[in-house]
Protein backbone atom coordinates (compact mmCIF):
# COMPACT_ATOMS: atom_id res chain seq x y z
CA MET A 1 -10.27 -7.75 -5.38
CA LEU A 2 -7.88 -4.89 -4.91
CA ILE A 3 -5.04 -4.01 -7.21
CA LYS A 4 -1.57 -4.79 -5.86
CA LYS A 5 1.87 -3.45 -6.70
CA CYS A 6 5.10 -5.44 -6.87
CA ILE A 7 7.73 -4.27 -4.40
CA LYS A 8 10.65 -5.17 -6.70
CA CYS A 9 9.62 -4.10 -10.22
CA ASN A 10 6.65 -1.74 -9.48
CA THR A 11 4.29 -3.73 -11.74
CA TYR A 12 0.56 -3.64 -10.96
CA THR A 13 -1.32 -6.95 -10.71
CA LEU A 14 -4.22 -8.65 -8.93
CA LYS A 15 -2.10 -11.59 -7.73
CA GLU A 16 -0.14 -12.12 -4.50
CA ILE A 17 3.05 -12.95 -6.46
CA CYS A 18 4.25 -10.75 -9.35
CA PRO A 19 3.91 -12.61 -12.68
CA LYS A 20 6.78 -10.57 -14.16
CA CYS A 21 9.56 -11.03 -11.58
CA GLY A 22 8.11 -13.40 -8.94
CA GLY A 23 8.38 -10.80 -6.17
CA LYS A 24 5.92 -10.14 -3.37
CA THR A 25 3.12 -7.65 -3.92
CA LYS A 26 1.46 -5.21 -1.54
CA SER A 27 -1.71 -3.17 -1.71
CA ALA A 28 -1.45 -0.18 -4.03
CA HIS A 29 -4.11 1.72 -2.09
CA PRO A 30 -3.27 4.15 0.73
CA PRO A 31 -4.38 3.30 4.27
CA LYS A 32 -7.81 4.53 5.36
CA PHE A 33 -7.98 8.02 6.84
CA SER A 34 -8.94 8.20 10.49
CA LEU A 35 -9.75 11.56 12.05
CA GLU A 36 -9.18 10.18 15.56
CA LYS A 37 -5.62 9.16 14.69
CA GLU A 38 -4.96 12.53 13.07
CA LYS A 39 -6.11 14.36 16.20
CA LYS A 40 -3.89 12.16 18.33
CA TYR A 41 -0.68 12.91 16.40
CA TRP A 42 -1.24 16.47 15.14
CA LYS A 43 1.37 17.95 17.50
CA TYR A 44 4.10 15.78 15.95
CA LYS A 45 3.29 17.04 12.44
CA ILE A 46 3.85 20.69 13.28
């Protein structure tokens, strides 16, 4: 189980639907870091 965050009211929950406002939730964790992807797009970051 990963913690989720409501898009509408920014409440943290473990459910797919926010119990506070009924809005959709998304993962509160950042995407995984990939060194290969970073190497590929480094020139655009400069």
